[in-house]
């Protein structure tokens, strides 16, 4: 049986649309093949959540959508549209 390890991809999109542009990201690689990154490059690993899904990433958490409080519709705050994705990859059993 293959030894599988989990990779986690956290994508913050600009809107709740799965095709929305990515504003920030982080990758945590349990396989040890890649170093962990927290969006330290100019280009995100995928253009959208949907593009990551097409590459085999599985969405395991969608953002909770809350209505804006009256008068706060145009305020900025934390990154609201956080998607968490995972991919299982085989590693050498050694």
PDB file of N, CA and C in Angstrom:
ATOM      1  N   UNK A   1       0.850  -1.185   0.000  1.00  0.00           N
ATOM      2  CA  UNK A   1       0.000   0.000   0.000  1.00  0.00           C
ATOM      3  C   UNK A   1       0.891   1.242   0.000  1.00  0.00           C
ATOM      4  N   UNK A   2       0.580   2.226  -0.861  1.00  0.00           N
ATOM      5  CA  UNK A   2       1.417   3.427  -0.937  1.00  0.00           C
ATOM      6  C   UNK A   2       1.313   4.274   0.331  1.00  0.00           C
ATOM      7  N   UNK A   3       2.407   4.953   0.640  1.00  0.00           N
ATOM      8  CA  UNK A   3       2.443   5.869   1.775  1.00  0.00           C
ATOM      9  C   UNK A   3       2.000   7.244   1.270  1.00  0.00           C
ATOM     10  N   UNK A   4       0.831   7.703   1.724  1.00  0.00           N
ATOM     11  CA  UNK A   4       0.276   8.968   1.266  1.00  0.00           C
ATOM     12  C   UNK A   4       0.465  10.050   2.320  1.00  0.00           C
ATOM     13  N   UNK A   5       0.756  11.243   1.873  1.00  0.00           N
ATOM     14  CA  UNK A   5       0.904  12.393   2.759  1.00  0.00           C
ATOM     15  C   UNK A   5       0.035  13.530   2.240  1.00  0.00           C
ATOM     16  N   UNK A   6      -0.435  14.332   3.164  1.00  0.00           N
ATOM     17  CA  UNK A   6      -1.337  15.421   2.832  1.00  0.00           C
ATOM     18  C   UNK A   6      -0.583  16.718   2.539  1.00  0.00           C
ATOM     19  N   UNK A   7      -1.040  17.410   1.510  1.00  0.00           N
ATOM     20  CA  UNK A   7      -0.608  18.767   1.221  1.00  0.00           C
ATOM     21  C   UNK A   7      -1.827  19.658   1.431  1.00  0.00           C
ATOM     22  N   UNK A   8      -1.629  20.818   2.041  1.00  0.00           N
ATOM     23  CA  UNK A   8      -2.709  21.767   2.286  1.00  0.00           C
ATOM     24  C   UNK A   8      -2.408  23.046   1.506  1.00  0.00           C
ATOM     25  N   UNK A   9      -3.428  23.545   0.832  1.00  0.00           N
ATOM     26  CA  UNK A   9      -3.325  24.794   0.084  1.00  0.00           C
ATOM     27  C   UNK A   9      -4.425  25.716   0.600  1.00  0.00           C
ATOM     28  N   UNK A  10      -4.047  26.878   1.079  1.00  0.00           N
ATOM     29  CA  UNK A  10      -5.010  27.859   1.568  1.00  0.00           C
ATOM     30  C   UNK A  10      -5.001  29.022   0.586  1.00  0.00           C
ATOM     31  N   UNK A  11      -6.160  29.261  -0.013  1.00  0.00           N
ATOM     32  CA  UNK A  11      -6.295  30.333  -0.995  1.00  0.00           C
ATOM     33  C   UNK A  11      -7.294  31.364  -0.493  1.00  0.00           C
ATOM     34  N   UNK A  12      -6.905  32.618  -0.566  1.00  0.00           N
ATOM     35  CA  UNK A  12      -7.801  33.726  -0.231  1.00  0.00           C
ATOM     36  C   UNK A  12      -8.178  34.401  -1.545  1.00  0.00           C
ATOM     37  N   UNK A  13      -9.441  34.267  -1.929  1.00  0.00           N
ATOM     38  CA  UNK A  13      -9.875  34.877  -3.183  1.00  0.00           C
ATOM     39  C   UNK A  13     -10.462  36.262  -2.925  1.00  0.00           C
ATOM     40  N   UNK A  14     -10.535  37.047  -3.962  1.00  0.00           N
ATOM     41  CA  UNK A  14     -11.016  38.427  -3.826  1.00  0.00           C
ATOM     42  C   UNK A  14     -12.534  38.499  -3.644  1.00  0.00           C
ATOM     43  N   UNK A  15     -13.252  37.476  -4.124  1.00  0.00           N
ATOM     44  CA  UNK A  15     -14.703  37.381  -3.937  1.00  0.00           C
ATOM     45  C   UNK A  15     -15.021  35.918  -3.626  1.00  0.00           C
ATOM     46  N   UNK A  16     -16.254  35.581  -3.259  1.00  0.00           N
ATOM     47  CA  UNK A  16     -16.572  34.185  -2.976  1.00  0.00           C
ATOM     48  C   UNK A  16     -16.670  33.293  -4.215  1.00  0.00           C
ATOM     49  N   UNK A  17     -16.596  33.854  -5.397  1.00  0.00           N
ATOM     50  CA  UNK A  17     -16.677  33.098  -6.649  1.00  0.00           C
ATOM     51  C   UNK A  17     -15.446  32.194  -6.788  1.00  0.00           C
ATOM     52  N   UNK A  18     -15.649  30.922  -7.098  1.00  0.00           N
ATOM     53  CA  UNK A  18     -14.532  29.984  -7.253  1.00  0.00           C
ATOM     54  C   UNK A  18     -13.579  30.380  -8.388  1.00  0.00           C
ATOM     55  N   UNK A  19     -14.038  31.203  -9.318  1.00  0.00           N
ATOM     56  CA  UNK A  19     -13.200  31.679 -10.415  1.00  0.00           C
ATOM     57  C   UNK A  19     -12.549  33.025 -10.117  1.00  0.00           C
ATOM     58  N   UNK A  20     -12.747  33.545  -8.923  1.00  0.00           N
ATOM     59  CA  UNK A  20     -12.207  34.850  -8.549  1.00  0.00           C
ATOM     60  C   UNK A  20     -10.684  34.810  -8.443  1.00  0.00           C
ATOM     61  N   UNK A  21     -10.064  35.955  -8.685  1.00  0.00           N
ATOM     62  CA  UNK A  21      -8.615  36.101  -8.584  1.00  0.00           C
ATOM     63  C   UNK A  21      -8.137  35.839  -7.156  1.00  0.00           C
ATOM     64  N   UNK A  22      -6.973  35.225  -7.033  1.00  0.00           N
ATOM     65  CA  UNK A  22      -6.381  34.925  -5.734  1.00  0.00           C
ATOM     66  C   UNK A  22      -5.596  36.132  -5.244  1.00  0.00           C
ATOM     67  N   UNK A  23      -5.832  36.521  -3.989  1.00  0.00           N
ATOM     68  CA  UNK A  23      -5.135  37.662  -3.405  1.00  0.00           C
ATOM     69  C   UNK A  23      -3.996  37.260  -2.489  1.00  0.00           C
ATOM     70  N   UNK A  24      -4.124  36.091  -1.857  1.00  0.00           N
ATOM     71  CA  UNK A  24      -3.100  35.622  -0.927  1.00  0.00           C
ATOM     72  C   UNK A  24      -3.204  34.107  -0.834  1.00  0.00           C
ATOM     73  N   UNK A  25      -2.124  33.456  -0.363  1.00  0.00           N
ATOM     74  CA  UNK A  25      -2.120  31.999  -0.306  1.00  0.00           C
ATOM     75  C   UNK A  25      -1.044  31.499   0.636  1.00  0.00           C
ATOM     76  N   UNK A  26      -1.171  30.226   0.990  1.00  0.00           N
ATOM     77  CA  UNK A  26      -0.146  29.525   1.764  1.00  0.00           C
ATOM     78  C   UNK A  26      -0.203  28.052   1.373  1.00  0.00           C
ATOM     79  N   UNK A  27       0.935  27.399   1.354  1.00  0.00           N
ATOM     80  CA  UNK A  27       1.023  25.963   1.044  1.00  0.00           C
ATOM     81  C   UNK A  27       1.799  25.284   2.163  1.00  0.00           C
ATOM     82  N   UNK A  28       1.279  24.150   2.618  1.00  0.00           N
ATOM     83  CA  UNK A  28       1.961  23.335   3.630  1.00  0.00           C
ATOM     84  C   UNK A  28       2.059  21.930   3.066  1.00  0.00           C
ATOM     85  N   UNK A  29       3.275  21.457   2.859  1.00  0.00           N
ATOM     86  CA  UNK A  29       3.530  20.204   2.160  1.00  0.00           C
ATOM     87  C   UNK A  29       3.985  19.121   3.127  1.00  0.00           C
ATOM     88  N   UNK A  30       3.081  18.209   3.449  1.00  0.00           N
ATOM     89  CA  UNK A  30       3.401  17.101   4.333  1.00  0.00           C
ATOM     90  C   UNK A  30       4.284  16.040   3.696  1.00  0.00           C
ATOM     91  N   UNK A  31       4.514  16.128   2.377  1.00  0.00           N
ATOM     92  CA  UNK A  31       5.376  15.149   1.717  1.00  0.00           C
ATOM     93  C   UNK A  31       6.849  15.487   1.918  1.00  0.00           C
ATOM     94  N   UNK A  32       7.131  16.748   2.242  1.00  0.00           N
ATOM     95  CA  UNK A  32       8.514  17.178   2.392  1.00  0.00           C
ATOM     96  C   UNK A  32       9.197  17.479   1.075  1.00  0.00           C
ATOM     97  N   UNK A  33       8.469  17.399  -0.039  1.00  0.00           N
ATOM     98  CA  UNK A  33       9.060  17.648  -1.355  1.00  0.00           C
ATOM     99  C   UNK A  33       9.260  19.129  -1.637  1.00  0.00           C
ATOM    100  N   UNK A  34       8.381  19.974  -1.078  1.00  0.00           N
ATOM    101  CA  UNK A  34       8.466  21.416  -1.297  1.00  0.00           C
ATOM    102  C   UNK A  34       8.623  22.109   0.040  1.00  0.00           C
ATOM    103  N   UNK A  35       9.229  23.277   0.015  1.00  0.00           N
ATOM    104  CA  UNK A  35       9.304  24.023   1.260  1.00  0.00           C
ATOM    105  C   UNK A  35       7.967  24.730   1.467  1.00  0.00           C
ATOM    106  N   UNK A  36       7.658  24.999   2.700  1.00  0.00           N
ATOM    107  CA  UNK A  36       6.411  25.683   3.024  1.00  0.00           C
ATOM    108  C   UNK A  36       6.503  27.123   2.562  1.00  0.00           C
ATOM    109  N   UNK A  37       5.418  27.647   2.071  1.00  0.00           N
ATOM    110  CA  UNK A  37       5.412  29.021   1.608  1.00  0.00           C
ATOM    111  C   UNK A  37       4.149  29.725   2.094  1.00  0.00           C
ATOM    112  N   UNK A  38       4.261  30.995   2.306  1.00  0.00           N
ATOM    113  CA  UNK A  38       3.115  31.785   2.752  1.00  0.00           C
ATOM    114  C   UNK A  38       2.868  32.932   1.789  1.00  0.00           C
ATOM    115  N   UNK A  39       2.813  32.626   0.535  1.00  0.00           N
ATOM    116  CA  UNK A  39       2.557  33.656  -0.462  1.00  0.00           C
ATOM    117  C   UNK A  39       3.723  34.598  -0.640  1.00  0.00           C
ATOM    118  N   UNK A  40       4.946  34.052  -0.569  1.00  0.00           N
ATOM    119  CA  UNK A  40       6.133  34.900  -0.633  1.00  0.00           C
ATOM    120  C   UNK A  40       6.654  35.118  -2.050  1.00  0.00           C
ATOM    121  N   UNK A  41       5.827  34.847  -3.038  1.00  0.00           N
ATOM    122  CA  UNK A  41       6.206  35.137  -4.418  1.00  0.00           C
ATOM    123  C   UNK A  41       5.167  36.081  -5.015  1.00  0.00           C
ATOM    124  N   UNK A  42       5.487  36.633  -6.164  1.00  0.00           N
ATOM    125  CA  UNK A  42       4.581  37.589  -6.803  1.00  0.00           C
ATOM    126  C   UNK A  42       3.379  36.924  -7.462  1.00  0.00           C
ATOM    127  N   UNK A  43       3.503  35.651  -7.769  1.00  0.00           N
ATOM    128  CA  UNK A  43       2.449  34.953  -8.495  1.00  0.00           C
ATOM    129  C   UNK A  43       1.895  33.813  -7.654  1.00  0.00           C
ATOM    130  N   UNK A  44       0.568  33.777  -7.457  1.00  0.00           N
ATOM    131  CA  UNK A  44      -0.015  32.657  -6.704  1.00  0.00           C
ATOM    132  C   UNK A  44       0.148  31.350  -7.468  1.00  0.00           C
ATOM    133  N   UNK A  45       0.079  30.225  -6.774  1.00  0.00           N
ATOM    134  CA  UNK A  45       0.253  28.938  -7.451  1.00  0.00           C
ATOM    135  C   UNK A  45      -0.862  28.634  -8.449  1.00  0.00           C
ATOM    136  N   UNK A  46      -2.032  29.244  -8.278  1.00  0.00           N
ATOM    137  CA  UNK A  46      -3.163  29.069  -9.181  1.00  0.00           C
ATOM    138  C   UNK A  46      -3.867  30.405  -9.358  1.00  0.00           C
ATOM    139  N   UNK A  47      -4.488  30.602 -10.499  1.00  0.00           N
ATOM    140  CA  UNK A  47      -5.201  31.846 -10.774  1.00  0.00           C
ATOM    141  C   UNK A  47      -6.508  31.946  -9.997  1.00  0.00           C
ATOM    142  N   UNK A  48      -7.070  30.784  -9.612  1.00  0.00           N
ATOM    143  CA  UNK A  48      -8.344  30.759  -8.906  1.00  0.00           C
ATOM    144  C   UNK A  48      -8.474  29.450  -8.146  1.00  0.00           C
ATOM    145  N   UNK A  49      -9.462  29.368  -7.286  1.00  0.00           N
ATOM    146  CA  UNK A  49      -9.764  28.117  -6.582  1.00  0.00           C
ATOM    147  C   UNK A  49     -10.159  27.055  -7.607  1.00  0.00           C
ATOM    148  N   UNK A  50     -10.939  27.445  -8.585  1.00  0.00           N
ATOM    149  CA  UNK A  50     -11.379  26.493  -9.604  1.00  0.00           C
ATOM    150  C   UNK A  50     -10.195  25.911 -10.378  1.00  0.00           C
ATOM    151  N   UNK A  51      -9.201  26.742 -10.685  1.00  0.00           N
ATOM    152  CA  UNK A  51      -8.002  26.250 -11.382  1.00  0.00           C
ATOM    153  C   UNK A  51      -7.270  25.218 -10.531  1.00  0.00           C
ATOM    154  N   UNK A  52      -7.209  25.435  -9.214  1.00  0.00           N
ATOM    155  CA  UNK A  52      -6.581  24.450  -8.323  1.00  0.00           C
ATOM    156  C   UNK A  52      -7.378  23.149  -8.321  1.00  0.00           C
ATOM    157  N   UNK A  53      -8.697  23.255  -8.329  1.00  0.00           N
ATOM    158  CA  UNK A  53      -9.546  22.056  -8.372  1.00  0.00           C
ATOM    159  C   UNK A  53      -9.288  21.268  -9.653  1.00  0.00           C
ATOM    160  N   UNK A  54      -9.093  21.962 -10.758  1.00  0.00           N
ATOM    161  CA  UNK A  54      -8.832  21.287 -12.028  1.00  0.00           C
ATOM    162  C   UNK A  54      -7.484  20.568 -12.015  1.00  0.00           C
ATOM    163  N   UNK A  55      -6.590  20.969 -11.117  1.00  0.00           N
ATOM    164  CA  UNK A  55      -5.282  20.337 -10.987  1.00  0.00           C
ATOM    165  C   UNK A  55      -5.280  19.236  -9.927  1.00  0.00           C
ATOM    166  N   UNK A  56      -6.456  18.883  -9.408  1.00  0.00           N
ATOM    167  CA  UNK A  56      -6.547  17.762  -8.483  1.00  0.00           C
ATOM    168  C   UNK A  56      -6.690  18.124  -7.018  1.00  0.00           C
ATOM    169  N   UNK A  57      -6.682  19.411  -6.674  1.00  0.00           N
ATOM    170  CA  UNK A  57      -6.878  19.818  -5.287  1.00  0.00           C
ATOM    171  C   UNK A  57      -8.348  19.678  -4.931  1.00  0.00           C
ATOM    172  N   UNK A  58      -8.624  19.190  -3.728  1.00  0.00           N
ATOM    173  CA  UNK A  58      -9.996  19.021  -3.258  1.00  0.00           C
ATOM    174  C   UNK A  58     -10.308  20.090  -2.220  1.00  0.00           C
ATOM    175  N   UNK A  59     -11.425  20.793  -2.411  1.00  0.00           N
ATOM    176  CA  UNK A  59     -11.846  21.813  -1.450  1.00  0.00           C
ATOM    177  C   UNK A  59     -12.383  21.106  -0.211  1.00  0.00           C
ATOM    178  N   UNK A  60     -11.816  21.416   0.954  1.00  0.00           N
ATOM    179  CA  UNK A  60     -12.300  20.809   2.194  1.00  0.00           C
ATOM    180  C   UNK A  60     -12.958  21.835   3.108  1.00  0.00           C
ATOM    181  N   UNK A  61     -12.827  23.126   2.771  1.00  0.00           N
ATOM    182  CA  UNK A  61     -13.530  24.153   3.541  1.00  0.00           C
ATOM    183  C   UNK A  61     -13.834  25.340   2.652  1.00  0.00           C
ATOM    184  N   UNK A  62     -15.101  25.765   2.688  1.00  0.00           N
ATOM    185  CA  UNK A  62     -15.544  26.976   2.015  1.00  0.00           C
ATOM    186  C   UNK A  62     -15.630  28.094   3.043  1.00  0.00           C
ATOM    187  N   UNK A  63     -15.502  29.342   2.619  1.00  0.00           N
ATOM    188  CA  UNK A  63     -15.647  30.437   3.576  1.00  0.00           C
ATOM    189  C   UNK A  63     -17.099  30.577   4.013  1.00  0.00           C
ATOM    190  N   UNK A  64     -17.299  30.985   5.259  1.00  0.00           N
ATOM    191  CA  UNK A  64     -18.636  31.314   5.714  1.00  0.00           C
ATOM    192  C   UNK A  64     -18.945  32.720   5.245  1.00  0.00           C
ATOM    193  N   UNK A  65     -20.109  32.880   4.660  1.00  0.00           N
ATOM    194  CA  UNK A  65     -20.490  34.194   4.162  1.00  0.00           C
ATOM    195  C   UNK A  65     -21.456  34.836   5.143  1.00  0.00           C
ATOM    196  N   UNK A  66     -21.084  35.991   5.616  1.00  0.00           N
ATOM    197  CA  UNK A  66     -21.901  36.737   6.563  1.00  0.00           C
ATOM    198  C   UNK A  66     -22.374  38.018   5.897  1.00  0.00           C
ATOM    199  N   UNK A  67     -23.607  38.416   6.125  1.00  0.00           N
ATOM    200  CA  UNK A  67     -24.052  39.694   5.566  1.00  0.00           C
ATOM    201  C   UNK A  67     -23.320  40.847   6.251  1.00  0.00           C
ATOM    202  N   UNK A  68     -23.105  41.914   5.510  1.00  0.00           N
ATOM    203  CA  UNK A  68     -22.451  43.094   6.078  1.00  0.00           C
ATOM    204  C   UNK A  68     -23.400  43.787   7.049  1.00  0.00           C
ATOM    205  N   UNK A  69     -22.847  44.302   8.121  1.00  0.00           N
ATOM    206  CA  UNK A  69     -23.650  45.103   9.042  1.00  0.00           C
ATOM    207  C   UNK A  69     -24.045  46.389   8.335  1.00  0.00           C
ATOM    208  N   UNK A  70     -25.224  46.916   8.599  1.00  0.00           N
ATOM    209  CA  UNK A  70     -25.635  48.163   7.954  1.00  0.00           C
ATOM    210  C   UNK A  70     -24.592  49.261   8.154  1.00  0.00           C
ATOM    211  N   UNK A  71     -24.244  49.899   7.048  1.00  0.00           N
ATOM    212  CA  UNK A  71     -23.250  50.968   7.084  1.00  0.00           C
ATOM    213  C   UNK A  71     -21.822  50.492   6.926  1.00  0.00           C
ATOM    214  N   UNK A  72     -21.577  49.177   6.906  1.00  0.00           N
ATOM    215  CA  UNK A  72     -20.217  48.633   6.820  1.00  0.00           C
ATOM    216  C   UNK A  72     -19.954  47.931   5.478  1.00  0.00           C
ATOM    217  N   UNK A  73     -20.836  48.108   4.525  1.00  0.00           N
ATOM    218  CA  UNK A  73     -20.741  47.383   3.263  1.00  0.00           C
ATOM    219  C   UNK A  73     -19.434  47.629   2.506  1.00  0.00           C
ATOM    220  N   UNK A  74     -18.840  48.793   2.648  1.00  0.00           N
ATOM    221  CA  UNK A  74     -17.632  49.135   1.891  1.00  0.00           C
ATOM    222  C   UNK A  74     -16.373  49.146   2.746  1.00  0.00           C
ATOM    223  N   UNK A  75     -16.464  48.700   3.980  1.00  0.00           N
ATOM    224  CA  UNK A  75     -15.302  48.657   4.858  1.00  0.00           C
ATOM    225  C   UNK A  75     -14.402  47.479   4.513  1.00  0.00           C
ATOM    226  N   UNK A  76     -13.099  47.666   4.722  1.00  0.00           N
ATOM    227  CA  UNK A  76     -12.177  46.556   4.531  1.00  0.00           C
ATOM    228  C   UNK A  76     -11.831  45.953   5.885  1.00  0.00           C
ATOM    229  N   UNK A  77     -11.460  44.693   5.859  1.00  0.00           N
ATOM    230  CA  UNK A  77     -11.170  43.989   7.102  1.00  0.00           C
ATOM    231  C   UNK A  77     -10.254  42.823   6.772  1.00  0.00           C
ATOM    232  N   UNK A  78     -10.382  41.723   7.499  1.00  0.00           N
ATOM    233  CA  UNK A  78      -9.588  40.525   7.256  1.00  0.00           C
ATOM    234  C   UNK A  78      -9.964  39.898   5.916  1.00  0.00           C
ATOM    235  N   UNK A  79      -9.173  38.959   5.472  1.00  0.00           N
ATOM    236  CA  UNK A  79      -9.429  38.268   4.203  1.00  0.00           C
ATOM    237  C   UNK A  79     -10.583  37.281   4.416  1.00  0.00           C
ATOM    238  N   UNK A  80     -11.729  37.619   3.883  1.00  0.00           N
ATOM    239  CA  UNK A  80     -12.941  36.863   4.202  1.00  0.00           C
ATOM    240  C   UNK A  80     -13.119  35.581   3.414  1.00  0.00           C
ATOM    241  N   UNK A  81     -12.598  35.497   2.221  1.00  0.00           N
ATOM    242  CA  UNK A  81     -12.928  34.385   1.344  1.00  0.00           C
ATOM    243  C   UNK A  81     -11.803  33.352   1.324  1.00  0.00           C
ATOM    244  N   UNK A  82     -11.658  32.647   2.440  1.00  0.00           N
ATOM    245  CA  UNK A  82     -10.599  31.652   2.616  1.00  0.00           C
ATOM    246  C   UNK A  82     -11.121  30.268   2.220  1.00  0.00           C
ATOM    247  N   UNK A  83     -10.434  29.652   1.274  1.00  0.00           N
ATOM    248  CA  UNK A  83     -10.728  28.282   0.856  1.00  0.00           C
ATOM    249  C   UNK A  83      -9.553  27.408   1.277  1.00  0.00           C
ATOM    250  N   UNK A  84      -9.849  26.269   1.857  1.00  0.00           N
ATOM    251  CA  UNK A  84      -8.809  25.317   2.226  1.00  0.00           C
ATOM    252  C   UNK A  84      -8.961  24.103   1.325  1.00  0.00           C
ATOM    253  N   UNK A  85      -7.860  23.716   0.683  1.00  0.00           N
ATOM    254  CA  UNK A  85      -7.857  22.593  -0.238  1.00  0.00           C
ATOM    255  C   UNK A  85      -6.802  21.590   0.201  1.00  0.00           C
ATOM    256  N   UNK A  86      -6.996  20.347  -0.209  1.00  0.00           N
ATOM    257  CA  UNK A  86      -5.994  19.323   0.095  1.00  0.00           C
ATOM    258  C   UNK A  86      -5.735  18.469  -1.124  1.00  0.00           C
ATOM    259  N   UNK A  87      -4.552  17.872  -1.107  1.00  0.00           N
ATOM    260  CA  UNK A  87      -4.167  16.903  -2.129  1.00  0.00           C
ATOM    261  C   UNK A  87      -3.352  15.838  -1.415  1.00  0.00           C
ATOM    262  N   UNK A  88      -3.627  14.588  -1.696  1.00  0.00           N
ATOM    263  CA  UNK A  88      -2.853  13.489  -1.128  1.00  0.00           C
ATOM    264  C   UNK A  88      -1.842  13.038  -2.184  1.00  0.00           C
ATOM    265  N   UNK A  89      -0.575  12.953  -1.774  1.00  0.00           N
ATOM    266  CA  UNK A  89       0.478  12.535  -2.699  1.00  0.00           C
ATOM    267  C   UNK A  89       1.274  11.388  -2.115  1.00  0.00           C
ATOM    268  N   UNK A  90       1.694  10.518  -2.986  1.00  0.00           N
ATOM    269  CA  UNK A  90       2.474   9.357  -2.580  1.00  0.00           C
ATOM    270  C   UNK A  90       3.911   9.779  -2.308  1.00  0.00           C
ATOM    271  N   UNK A  91       4.496   9.222  -1.270  1.00  0.00           N
ATOM    272  CA  UNK A  91       5.897   9.458  -0.931  1.00  0.00           C
ATOM    273  C   UNK A  91       6.609   8.116  -0.828  1.00  0.00           C
ATOM    274  N   UNK A  92       7.936   8.150  -0.909  1.00  0.00           N
ATOM    275  CA  UNK A  92       8.718   6.927  -0.735  1.00  0.00           C
ATOM    276  C   UNK A  92       8.516   6.408   0.681  1.00  0.00           C
ATOM    277  N   UNK A  93       8.367   5.125   0.835  1.00  0.00           N
ATOM    278  CA  UNK A  93       8.095   4.521   2.134  1.00  0.00           C
ATOM    279  C   UNK A  93       9.248   4.518   3.110  1.00  0.00           C
ATOM    280  N   UNK A  94      10.432   4.978   2.726  1.00  0.00           N
ATOM    281  CA  UNK A  94      11.608   4.916   3.568  1.00  0.00           C
ATOM    282  C   UNK A  94      11.642   5.907   4.609  1.00  0.00           C
TER     283      UNK A  94
END
